[in-house]
Amino acid sequence: YKDYLLVYRWSTVDRRMLPPPDPAGGALRIVADGRVF
């Protein structure tokens, strides 16, 4: 068994306002009840 988080990134505004994501990027930071992951 392996567990994953899937995150979907998209924009609800005009695409021209936000450049496409960097394929080499993708770092994710979650703050949950004060703890940073």
PDB file of all heavy atoms in Angstrom:
ATOM      1  N   TYR A   1       0.827  -1.197   0.000  1.00  0.00           N
ATOM      2  CA  TYR A   1       0.000   0.000   0.000  1.00  0.00           C
ATOM      3  C   TYR A   1       0.867   1.256   0.000  1.00  0.00           C
ATOM      4  O   TYR A   1       1.836   1.349   0.753  1.00  0.00           O
ATOM      5  CB  TYR A   1      -0.910   0.023   1.233  1.00  0.00           C
ATOM      6  CG  TYR A   1      -1.913  -1.095   1.233  1.00  0.00           C
ATOM      7  CD1 TYR A   1      -1.645  -2.294   1.887  1.00  0.00           C
ATOM      8  CD2 TYR A   1      -3.120  -0.955   0.566  1.00  0.00           C
ATOM      9  CE1 TYR A   1      -2.556  -3.329   1.885  1.00  0.00           C
ATOM     10  CE2 TYR A   1      -4.040  -1.986   0.555  1.00  0.00           C
ATOM     11  CZ  TYR A   1      -3.753  -3.167   1.218  1.00  0.00           C
ATOM     12  OH  TYR A   1      -4.671  -4.184   1.197  1.00  0.00           O
ATOM     13  N   LYS A   2       0.498   2.204  -0.843  1.00  0.00           N
ATOM     14  CA  LYS A   2       1.174   3.493  -0.895  1.00  0.00           C
ATOM     15  C   LYS A   2       0.106   4.581  -0.900  1.00  0.00           C
ATOM     16  O   LYS A   2      -0.890   4.477  -1.606  1.00  0.00           O
ATOM     17  CB  LYS A   2       2.056   3.596  -2.129  1.00  0.00           C
ATOM     18  CG  LYS A   2       3.248   2.641  -2.101  1.00  0.00           C
ATOM     19  CD  LYS A   2       4.172   2.915  -3.236  1.00  0.00           C
ATOM     20  CE  LYS A   2       5.393   2.096  -3.321  1.00  0.00           C
ATOM     21  NZ  LYS A   2       5.712   1.026  -2.553  1.00  0.00           N
ATOM     22  N   ASP A   3       0.322   5.629  -0.092  1.00  0.00           N
ATOM     23  CA  ASP A   3      -0.627   6.735   0.015  1.00  0.00           C
ATOM     24  C   ASP A   3      -0.079   7.965  -0.699  1.00  0.00           C
ATOM     25  O   ASP A   3       1.126   8.242  -0.641  1.00  0.00           O
ATOM     26  CB  ASP A   3      -0.885   7.067   1.487  1.00  0.00           C
ATOM     27  CG  ASP A   3      -1.557   5.915   2.210  1.00  0.00           C
ATOM     28  OD1 ASP A   3      -2.527   5.369   1.657  1.00  0.00           O
ATOM     29  OD2 ASP A   3      -1.116   5.568   3.318  1.00  0.00           O
ATOM     30  N   TYR A   4      -0.996   8.694  -1.345  1.00  0.00           N
ATOM     31  CA  TYR A   4      -0.631   9.890  -2.090  1.00  0.00           C
ATOM     32  C   TYR A   4      -1.664  10.984  -1.872  1.00  0.00           C
ATOM     33  O   TYR A   4      -2.830  10.704  -1.585  1.00  0.00           O
ATOM     34  CB  TYR A   4      -0.580   9.611  -3.601  1.00  0.00           C
ATOM     35  CG  TYR A   4       0.472   8.623  -4.007  1.00  0.00           C
ATOM     36  CD1 TYR A   4       0.197   7.264  -4.051  1.00  0.00           C
ATOM     37  CD2 TYR A   4       1.744   9.046  -4.361  1.00  0.00           C
ATOM     38  CE1 TYR A   4       1.161   6.344  -4.429  1.00  0.00           C
ATOM     39  CE2 TYR A   4       2.711   8.133  -4.753  1.00  0.00           C
ATOM     40  CZ  TYR A   4       2.419   6.787  -4.778  1.00  0.00           C
ATOM     41  OH  TYR A   4       3.372   5.888  -5.152  1.00  0.00           O
ATOM     42  N   LEU A   5      -1.223  12.196  -2.047  1.00  0.00           N
ATOM     43  CA  LEU A   5      -2.127  13.330  -2.194  1.00  0.00           C
ATOM     44  C   LEU A   5      -2.096  13.709  -3.659  1.00  0.00           C
ATOM     45  O   LEU A   5      -1.025  13.798  -4.269  1.00  0.00           O
ATOM     46  CB  LEU A   5      -1.658  14.524  -1.360  1.00  0.00           C
ATOM     47  CG  LEU A   5      -1.748  14.393   0.142  1.00  0.00           C
ATOM     48  CD1 LEU A   5      -1.115  15.609   0.804  1.00  0.00           C
ATOM     49  CD2 LEU A   5      -3.191  14.245   0.579  1.00  0.00           C
ATOM     50  N   LEU A   6      -3.248  13.912  -4.244  1.00  0.00           N
ATOM     51  CA  LEU A   6      -3.340  14.449  -5.601  1.00  0.00           C
ATOM     52  C   LEU A   6      -3.785  15.900  -5.470  1.00  0.00           C
ATOM     53  O   LEU A   6      -4.747  16.188  -4.748  1.00  0.00           O
ATOM     54  CB  LEU A   6      -4.353  13.677  -6.439  1.00  0.00           C
ATOM     55  CG  LEU A   6      -4.084  12.192  -6.631  1.00  0.00           C
ATOM     56  CD1 LEU A   6      -5.197  11.581  -7.472  1.00  0.00           C
ATOM     57  CD2 LEU A   6      -2.740  11.964  -7.279  1.00  0.00           C
ATOM     58  N   VAL A   7      -3.092  16.770  -6.149  1.00  0.00           N
ATOM     59  CA  VAL A   7      -3.443  18.189  -6.117  1.00  0.00           C
ATOM     60  C   VAL A   7      -3.676  18.631  -7.553  1.00  0.00           C
ATOM     61  O   VAL A   7      -2.870  18.349  -8.442  1.00  0.00           O
ATOM     62  CB  VAL A   7      -2.320  19.027  -5.457  1.00  0.00           C
ATOM     63  CG1 VAL A   7      -2.611  20.507  -5.568  1.00  0.00           C
ATOM     64  CG2 VAL A   7      -2.160  18.626  -3.997  1.00  0.00           C
ATOM     65  N   TYR A   8      -4.786  19.309  -7.762  1.00  0.00           N
ATOM     66  CA  TYR A   8      -5.140  19.805  -9.087  1.00  0.00           C
ATOM     67  C   TYR A   8      -4.962  21.315  -9.090  1.00  0.00           C
ATOM     68  O   TYR A   8      -5.541  22.017  -8.274  1.00  0.00           O
ATOM     69  CB  TYR A   8      -6.590  19.462  -9.423  1.00  0.00           C
ATOM     70  CG  TYR A   8      -6.903  17.991  -9.280  1.00  0.00           C
ATOM     71  CD1 TYR A   8      -7.864  17.551  -8.389  1.00  0.00           C
ATOM     72  CD2 TYR A   8      -6.233  17.057 -10.048  1.00  0.00           C
ATOM     73  CE1 TYR A   8      -8.160  16.205  -8.278  1.00  0.00           C
ATOM     74  CE2 TYR A   8      -6.526  15.703  -9.939  1.00  0.00           C
ATOM     75  CZ  TYR A   8      -7.480  15.287  -9.053  1.00  0.00           C
ATOM     76  OH  TYR A   8      -7.774  13.954  -8.940  1.00  0.00           O
ATOM     77  N   ARG A   9      -4.175  21.797 -10.028  1.00  0.00           N
ATOM     78  CA  ARG A   9      -3.938  23.229 -10.125  1.00  0.00           C
ATOM     79  C   ARG A   9      -4.593  23.734 -11.401  1.00  0.00           C
ATOM     80  O   ARG A   9      -4.395  23.183 -12.482  1.00  0.00           O
ATOM     81  CB  ARG A   9      -2.438  23.510 -10.159  1.00  0.00           C
ATOM     82  CG  ARG A   9      -2.105  24.981 -10.179  1.00  0.00           C
ATOM     83  CD  ARG A   9      -1.097  25.176 -11.292  1.00  0.00           C
ATOM     84  NE  ARG A   9      -0.476  26.466 -11.285  1.00  0.00           N
ATOM     85  CZ  ARG A   9      -0.695  27.374 -12.230  1.00  0.00           C
ATOM     86  NH1 ARG A   9      -1.561  27.141 -13.200  1.00  0.00           N
ATOM     87  NH2 ARG A   9      -0.070  28.513 -12.208  1.00  0.00           N
ATOM     88  N   TRP A  10      -5.421  24.758 -11.259  1.00  0.00           N
ATOM     89  CA  TRP A  10      -6.051  25.411 -12.407  1.00  0.00           C
ATOM     90  C   TRP A  10      -6.473  26.793 -11.959  1.00  0.00           C
ATOM     91  O   TRP A  10      -6.457  27.110 -10.773  1.00  0.00           O
ATOM     92  CB  TRP A  10      -7.215  24.599 -12.959  1.00  0.00           C
ATOM     93  CG  TRP A  10      -8.504  24.719 -12.211  1.00  0.00           C
ATOM     94  CD1 TRP A  10      -9.545  25.558 -12.492  1.00  0.00           C
ATOM     95  CD2 TRP A  10      -8.891  23.998 -11.033  1.00  0.00           C
ATOM     96  NE1 TRP A  10     -10.563  25.391 -11.578  1.00  0.00           N
ATOM     97  CE2 TRP A  10     -10.173  24.437 -10.659  1.00  0.00           C
ATOM     98  CE3 TRP A  10      -8.277  23.031 -10.252  1.00  0.00           C
ATOM     99  CZ2 TRP A  10     -10.850  23.945  -9.563  1.00  0.00           C
ATOM    100  CZ3 TRP A  10      -8.948  22.544  -9.161  1.00  0.00           C
ATOM    101  CH2 TRP A  10     -10.216  23.003  -8.825  1.00  0.00           C
ATOM    102  N   SER A  11      -6.860  27.594 -12.910  1.00  0.00           N
ATOM    103  CA  SER A  11      -7.280  28.951 -12.594  1.00  0.00           C
ATOM    104  C   SER A  11      -8.744  29.137 -12.948  1.00  0.00           C
ATOM    105  O   SER A  11      -9.223  28.602 -13.941  1.00  0.00           O
ATOM    106  CB  SER A  11      -6.433  29.961 -13.376  1.00  0.00           C
ATOM    107  OG  SER A  11      -6.896  31.265 -13.114  1.00  0.00           O
ATOM    108  N   THR A  12      -9.426  29.892 -12.117  1.00  0.00           N
ATOM    109  CA  THR A  12     -10.825  30.210 -12.401  1.00  0.00           C
ATOM    110  C   THR A  12     -10.954  31.561 -13.095  1.00  0.00           C
ATOM    111  O   THR A  12     -12.049  32.008 -13.386  1.00  0.00           O
ATOM    112  CB  THR A  12     -11.654  30.236 -11.105  1.00  0.00           C
ATOM    113  OG1 THR A  12     -11.086  31.183 -10.216  1.00  0.00           O
ATOM    114  CG2 THR A  12     -11.686  28.860 -10.463  1.00  0.00           C
ATOM    115  N   VAL A  13      -9.829  32.208 -13.333  1.00  0.00           N
ATOM    116  CA  VAL A  13      -9.827  33.495 -14.034  1.00  0.00           C
ATOM    117  C   VAL A  13      -9.188  33.311 -15.398  1.00  0.00           C
ATOM    118  O   VAL A  13      -8.735  32.224 -15.753  1.00  0.00           O
ATOM    119  CB  VAL A  13      -9.077  34.579 -13.211  1.00  0.00           C
ATOM    120  CG1 VAL A  13      -9.781  34.844 -11.908  1.00  0.00           C
ATOM    121  CG2 VAL A  13      -7.646  34.191 -12.977  1.00  0.00           C
ATOM    122  N   ASP A  14      -9.114  34.367 -16.134  1.00  0.00           N
ATOM    123  CA  ASP A  14      -8.521  34.352 -17.470  1.00  0.00           C
ATOM    124  C   ASP A  14      -7.095  33.782 -17.396  1.00  0.00           C
ATOM    125  O   ASP A  14      -6.265  34.268 -16.635  1.00  0.00           O
ATOM    126  CB  ASP A  14      -8.500  35.784 -18.010  1.00  0.00           C
ATOM    127  CG  ASP A  14      -8.106  35.856 -19.465  1.00  0.00           C
ATOM    128  OD1 ASP A  14      -7.339  34.993 -19.934  1.00  0.00           O
ATOM    129  OD2 ASP A  14      -8.557  36.802 -20.136  1.00  0.00           O
ATOM    130  N   ARG A  15      -6.815  32.735 -18.191  1.00  0.00           N
ATOM    131  CA  ARG A  15      -5.502  32.077 -18.178  1.00  0.00           C
ATOM    132  C   ARG A  15      -4.346  33.031 -18.426  1.00  0.00           C
ATOM    133  O   ARG A  15      -3.233  32.778 -17.993  1.00  0.00           O
ATOM    134  CB  ARG A  15      -5.422  31.016 -19.266  1.00  0.00           C
ATOM    135  CG  ARG A  15      -6.287  29.895 -19.074  1.00  0.00           C
ATOM    136  CD  ARG A  15      -6.116  28.940 -20.217  1.00  0.00           C
ATOM    137  NE  ARG A  15      -7.381  28.242 -20.324  1.00  0.00           N
ATOM    138  CZ  ARG A  15      -7.619  27.276 -21.142  1.00  0.00           C
ATOM    139  NH1 ARG A  15      -6.704  26.886 -21.964  1.00  0.00           N
ATOM    140  NH2 ARG A  15      -8.783  26.701 -21.150  1.00  0.00           N
ATOM    141  N   ARG A  16      -4.606  34.099 -19.152  1.00  0.00           N
ATOM    142  CA  ARG A  16      -3.531  35.037 -19.471  1.00  0.00           C
ATOM    143  C   ARG A  16      -3.027  35.758 -18.230  1.00  0.00           C
ATOM    144  O   ARG A  16      -1.943  36.315 -18.220  1.00  0.00           O
ATOM    145  CB  ARG A  16      -4.011  36.047 -20.510  1.00  0.00           C
ATOM    146  CG  ARG A  16      -4.350  35.376 -21.835  1.00  0.00           C
ATOM    147  CD  ARG A  16      -5.023  36.330 -22.757  1.00  0.00           C
ATOM    148  NE  ARG A  16      -6.347  36.652 -22.193  1.00  0.00           N
ATOM    149  CZ  ARG A  16      -7.227  37.439 -22.773  1.00  0.00           C
ATOM    150  NH1 ARG A  16      -6.948  37.998 -23.920  1.00  0.00           N
ATOM    151  NH2 ARG A  16      -8.383  37.670 -22.210  1.00  0.00           N
ATOM    152  N   MET A  17      -3.796  35.732 -17.147  1.00  0.00           N
ATOM    153  CA  MET A  17      -3.382  36.418 -15.925  1.00  0.00           C
ATOM    154  C   MET A  17      -2.385  35.586 -15.111  1.00  0.00           C
ATOM    155  O   MET A  17      -1.726  36.105 -14.229  1.00  0.00           O
ATOM    156  CB  MET A  17      -4.604  36.714 -15.055  1.00  0.00           C
ATOM    157  CG  MET A  17      -5.555  37.698 -15.701  1.00  0.00           C
ATOM    158  SD  MET A  17      -6.990  38.012 -14.683  1.00  0.00           S
ATOM    159  CE  MET A  17      -6.265  38.860 -13.304  1.00  0.00           C
ATOM    160  N   LEU A  18      -2.272  34.302 -15.396  1.00  0.00           N
ATOM    161  CA  LEU A  18      -1.397  33.434 -14.634  1.00  0.00           C
ATOM    162  C   LEU A  18      -0.622  32.551 -15.606  1.00  0.00           C
ATOM    163  O   LEU A  18      -1.212  31.833 -16.396  1.00  0.00           O
ATOM    164  CB  LEU A  18      -2.236  32.553 -13.696  1.00  0.00           C
ATOM    165  CG  LEU A  18      -1.490  31.666 -12.724  1.00  0.00           C
ATOM    166  CD1 LEU A  18      -0.654  32.493 -11.746  1.00  0.00           C
ATOM    167  CD2 LEU A  18      -2.481  30.821 -11.938  1.00  0.00           C
ATOM    168  N   PRO A  19       0.699  32.604 -15.564  1.00  0.00           N
ATOM    169  CA  PRO A  19       1.467  31.766 -16.488  1.00  0.00           C
ATOM    170  C   PRO A  19       1.270  30.289 -16.179  1.00  0.00           C
ATOM    171  O   PRO A  19       0.924  29.930 -15.052  1.00  0.00           O
ATOM    172  CB  PRO A  19       2.915  32.191 -16.234  1.00  0.00           C
ATOM    173  CG  PRO A  19       2.920  32.795 -14.879  1.00  0.00           C
ATOM    174  CD  PRO A  19       1.537  33.368 -14.664  1.00  0.00           C
ATOM    175  N   PRO A  20       1.493  29.427 -17.165  1.00  0.00           N
ATOM    176  CA  PRO A  20       1.350  27.995 -16.899  1.00  0.00           C
ATOM    177  C   PRO A  20       2.378  27.549 -15.858  1.00  0.00           C
ATOM    178  O   PRO A  20       3.433  28.162 -15.723  1.00  0.00           O
ATOM    179  CB  PRO A  20       1.614  27.339 -18.252  1.00  0.00           C
ATOM    180  CG  PRO A  20       2.303  28.371 -19.062  1.00  0.00           C
ATOM    181  CD  PRO A  20       1.912  29.706 -18.521  1.00  0.00           C
ATOM    182  N   PRO A  21       2.070  26.492 -15.111  1.00  0.00           N
ATOM    183  CA  PRO A  21       3.007  26.046 -14.077  1.00  0.00           C
ATOM    184  C   PRO A  21       4.289  25.501 -14.679  1.00  0.00           C
ATOM    185  O   PRO A  21       4.287  24.936 -15.766  1.00  0.00           O
ATOM    186  CB  PRO A  21       2.238  24.957 -13.344  1.00  0.00           C
ATOM    187  CG  PRO A  21       1.243  24.476 -14.317  1.00  0.00           C
ATOM    188  CD  PRO A  21       0.893  25.643 -15.185  1.00  0.00           C
ATOM    189  N   ASP A  22       5.368  25.673 -13.969  1.00  0.00           N
ATOM    190  CA  ASP A  22       6.662  25.150 -14.377  1.00  0.00           C
ATOM    191  C   ASP A  22       6.637  23.635 -14.208  1.00  0.00           C
ATOM    192  O   ASP A  22       6.364  23.149 -13.110  1.00  0.00           O
ATOM    193  CB  ASP A  22       7.743  25.774 -13.501  1.00  0.00           C
ATOM    194  CG  ASP A  22       9.135  25.289 -13.838  1.00  0.00           C
ATOM    195  OD1 ASP A  22       9.287  24.398 -14.705  1.00  0.00           O
ATOM    196  OD2 ASP A  22      10.091  25.815 -13.234  1.00  0.00           O
ATOM    197  N   PRO A  23       6.906  22.869 -15.280  1.00  0.00           N
ATOM    198  CA  PRO A  23       6.883  21.414 -15.154  1.00  0.00           C
ATOM    199  C   PRO A  23       7.875  20.896 -14.108  1.00  0.00           C
ATOM    200  O   PRO A  23       7.676  19.851 -13.514  1.00  0.00           O
ATOM    201  CB  PRO A  23       7.264  20.911 -16.547  1.00  0.00           C
ATOM    202  CG  PRO A  23       7.038  22.054 -17.458  1.00  0.00           C
ATOM    203  CD  PRO A  23       7.179  23.308 -16.635  1.00  0.00           C
ATOM    204  N   ALA A  24       8.952  21.636 -13.861  1.00  0.00           N
ATOM    205  CA  ALA A  24       9.941  21.219 -12.860  1.00  0.00           C
ATOM    206  C   ALA A  24       9.552  21.685 -11.461  1.00  0.00           C
ATOM    207  O   ALA A  24      10.199  21.343 -10.484  1.00  0.00           O
ATOM    208  CB  ALA A  24      11.314  21.777 -13.228  1.00  0.00           C
ATOM    209  N   GLY A  25       8.501  22.469 -11.356  1.00  0.00           N
ATOM    210  CA  GLY A  25       8.055  22.977 -10.060  1.00  0.00           C
ATOM    211  C   GLY A  25       7.152  21.980  -9.375  1.00  0.00           C
ATOM    212  O   GLY A  25       7.240  20.778  -9.587  1.00  0.00           O
ATOM    213  N   GLY A  26       6.274  22.483  -8.551  1.00  0.00           N
ATOM    214  CA  GLY A  26       5.289  21.627  -7.928  1.00  0.00           C
ATOM    215  C   GLY A  26       5.446  21.436  -6.442  1.00  0.00           C
ATOM    216  O   GLY A  26       4.712  20.657  -5.846  1.00  0.00           O
ATOM    217  N   ALA A  27       6.420  22.117  -5.833  1.00  0.00           N
ATOM    218  CA  ALA A  27       6.558  21.994  -4.382  1.00  0.00           C
ATOM    219  C   ALA A  27       5.241  22.379  -3.723  1.00  0.00           C
ATOM    220  O   ALA A  27       4.530  23.264  -4.191  1.00  0.00           O
ATOM    221  CB  ALA A  27       7.687  22.891  -3.881  1.00  0.00           C
ATOM    222  N   LEU A  28       4.918  21.698  -2.645  1.00  0.00           N
ATOM    223  CA  LEU A  28       3.655  21.893  -1.951  1.00  0.00           C
ATOM    224  C   LEU A  28       3.925  22.081  -0.467  1.00  0.00           C
ATOM    225  O   LEU A  28       4.711  21.344   0.120  1.00  0.00           O
ATOM    226  CB  LEU A  28       2.762  20.661  -2.164  1.00  0.00           C
ATOM    227  CG  LEU A  28       1.435  20.600  -1.424  1.00  0.00           C
ATOM    228  CD1 LEU A  28       0.481  21.674  -1.939  1.00  0.00           C
ATOM    229  CD2 LEU A  28       0.814  19.220  -1.603  1.00  0.00           C
ATOM    230  N   ARG A  29       3.287  23.081   0.123  1.00  0.00           N
ATOM    231  CA  ARG A  29       3.370  23.309   1.568  1.00  0.00           C
ATOM    232  C   ARG A  29       1.951  23.345   2.117  1.00  0.00           C
ATOM    233  O   ARG A  29       1.116  24.116   1.665  1.00  0.00           O
ATOM    234  CB  ARG A  29       4.082  24.616   1.871  1.00  0.00           C
ATOM    235  CG  ARG A  29       4.118  24.927   3.372  1.00  0.00           C
ATOM    236  CD  ARG A  29       4.986  26.125   3.689  1.00  0.00           C
ATOM    237  NE  ARG A  29       6.349  25.797   3.295  1.00  0.00           N
ATOM    238  CZ  ARG A  29       7.139  26.622   2.608  1.00  0.00           C
ATOM    239  NH1 ARG A  29       6.717  27.802   2.239  1.00  0.00           N
ATOM    240  NH2 ARG A  29       8.355  26.247   2.295  1.00  0.00           N
ATOM    241  N   ILE A  30       1.694  22.493   3.092  1.00  0.00           N
ATOM    242  CA  ILE A  30       0.399  22.468   3.756  1.00  0.00           C
ATOM    243  C   ILE A  30       0.615  22.834   5.216  1.00  0.00           C
ATOM    244  O   ILE A  30       1.498  22.277   5.877  1.00  0.00           O
ATOM    245  CB  ILE A  30      -0.262  21.075   3.660  1.00  0.00           C
ATOM    246  CG1 ILE A  30      -0.527  20.709   2.202  1.00  0.00           C
ATOM    247  CG2 ILE A  30      -1.562  21.041   4.463  1.00  0.00           C
ATOM    248  CD1 ILE A  30      -1.055  19.303   1.997  1.00  0.00           C
ATOM    249  N   VAL A  31      -0.182  23.780   5.695  1.00  0.00           N
ATOM    250  CA  VAL A  31      -0.191  24.113   7.112  1.00  0.00           C
ATOM    251  C   VAL A  31      -1.509  23.597   7.663  1.00  0.00           C
ATOM    252  O   VAL A  31      -2.580  23.995   7.209  1.00  0.00           O
ATOM    253  CB  VAL A  31      -0.043  25.630   7.356  1.00  0.00           C
ATOM    254  CG1 VAL A  31      -0.083  25.930   8.845  1.00  0.00           C
ATOM    255  CG2 VAL A  31       1.239  26.160   6.722  1.00  0.00           C
ATOM    256  N   ALA A  32      -1.414  22.654   8.609  1.00  0.00           N
ATOM    257  CA  ALA A  32      -2.594  22.016   9.193  1.00  0.00           C
ATOM    258  C   ALA A  32      -2.535  22.200  10.703  1.00  0.00           C
ATOM    259  O   ALA A  32      -1.612  21.689  11.343  1.00  0.00           O
ATOM    260  CB  ALA A  32      -2.630  20.536   8.839  1.00  0.00           C
ATOM    261  N   ASP A  33      -3.474  22.967  11.222  1.00  0.00           N
ATOM    262  CA  ASP A  33      -3.517  23.245  12.661  1.00  0.00           C
ATOM    263  C   ASP A  33      -2.158  23.693  13.190  1.00  0.00           C
ATOM    264  O   ASP A  33      -1.717  23.265  14.250  1.00  0.00           O
ATOM    265  CB  ASP A  33      -4.017  22.025  13.444  1.00  0.00           C
ATOM    266  CG  ASP A  33      -5.499  21.750  13.204  1.00  0.00           C
ATOM    267  OD1 ASP A  33      -6.189  22.645  12.680  1.00  0.00           O
ATOM    268  OD2 ASP A  33      -5.954  20.650  13.548  1.00  0.00           O
ATOM    269  N   GLY A  34      -1.486  24.534  12.401  1.00  0.00           N
ATOM    270  CA  GLY A  34      -0.212  25.105  12.828  1.00  0.00           C
ATOM    271  C   GLY A  34       1.019  24.289  12.477  1.00  0.00           C
ATOM    272  O   GLY A  34       2.133  24.788  12.567  1.00  0.00           O
ATOM    273  N   ARG A  35       0.856  23.035  12.073  1.00  0.00           N
ATOM    274  CA  ARG A  35       1.997  22.204  11.670  1.00  0.00           C
ATOM    275  C   ARG A  35       2.248  22.376  10.179  1.00  0.00           C
ATOM    276  O   ARG A  35       1.308  22.400   9.381  1.00  0.00           O
ATOM    277  CB  ARG A  35       1.736  20.732  11.965  1.00  0.00           C
ATOM    278  CG  ARG A  35       1.847  20.391  13.428  1.00  0.00           C
ATOM    279  CD  ARG A  35       1.634  18.927  13.707  1.00  0.00           C
ATOM    280  NE  ARG A  35       2.587  18.061  13.010  1.00  0.00           N
ATOM    281  CZ  ARG A  35       2.485  16.726  12.997  1.00  0.00           C
ATOM    282  NH1 ARG A  35       1.498  16.119  13.624  1.00  0.00           N
ATOM    283  NH2 ARG A  35       3.376  16.000  12.354  1.00  0.00           N
ATOM    284  N   VAL A  36       3.524  22.469   9.808  1.00  0.00           N
ATOM    285  CA  VAL A  36       3.903  22.679   8.414  1.00  0.00           C
ATOM    286  C   VAL A  36       4.397  21.363   7.819  1.00  0.00           C
ATOM    287  O   VAL A  36       5.245  20.681   8.399  1.00  0.00           O
ATOM    288  CB  VAL A  36       5.005  23.758   8.298  1.00  0.00           C
ATOM    289  CG1 VAL A  36       5.438  23.929   6.849  1.00  0.00           C
ATOM    290  CG2 VAL A  36       4.516  25.074   8.876  1.00  0.00           C
ATOM    291  N   PHE A  37       3.858  21.022   6.655  1.00  0.00           N
ATOM    292  CA  PHE A  37       4.254  19.822   5.917  1.00  0.00           C
ATOM    293  C   PHE A  37       4.707  20.265   4.525  1.00  0.00           C
ATOM    294  O   PHE A  37       3.963  20.947   3.818  1.00  0.00           O
ATOM    295  CB  PHE A  37       3.081  18.851   5.777  1.00  0.00           C
ATOM    296  CG  PHE A  37       2.537  18.358   7.083  1.00  0.00           C
ATOM    297  CD1 PHE A  37       1.501  19.031   7.714  1.00  0.00           C
ATOM    298  CD2 PHE A  37       3.065  17.231   7.683  1.00  0.00           C
ATOM    299  CE1 PHE A  37       0.994  18.586   8.919  1.00  0.00           C
ATOM    300  CE2 PHE A  37       2.564  16.779   8.892  1.00  0.00           C
ATOM    301  CZ  PHE A  37       1.528  17.453   9.522  1.00  0.00           C
TER     302      PHE A  37
END
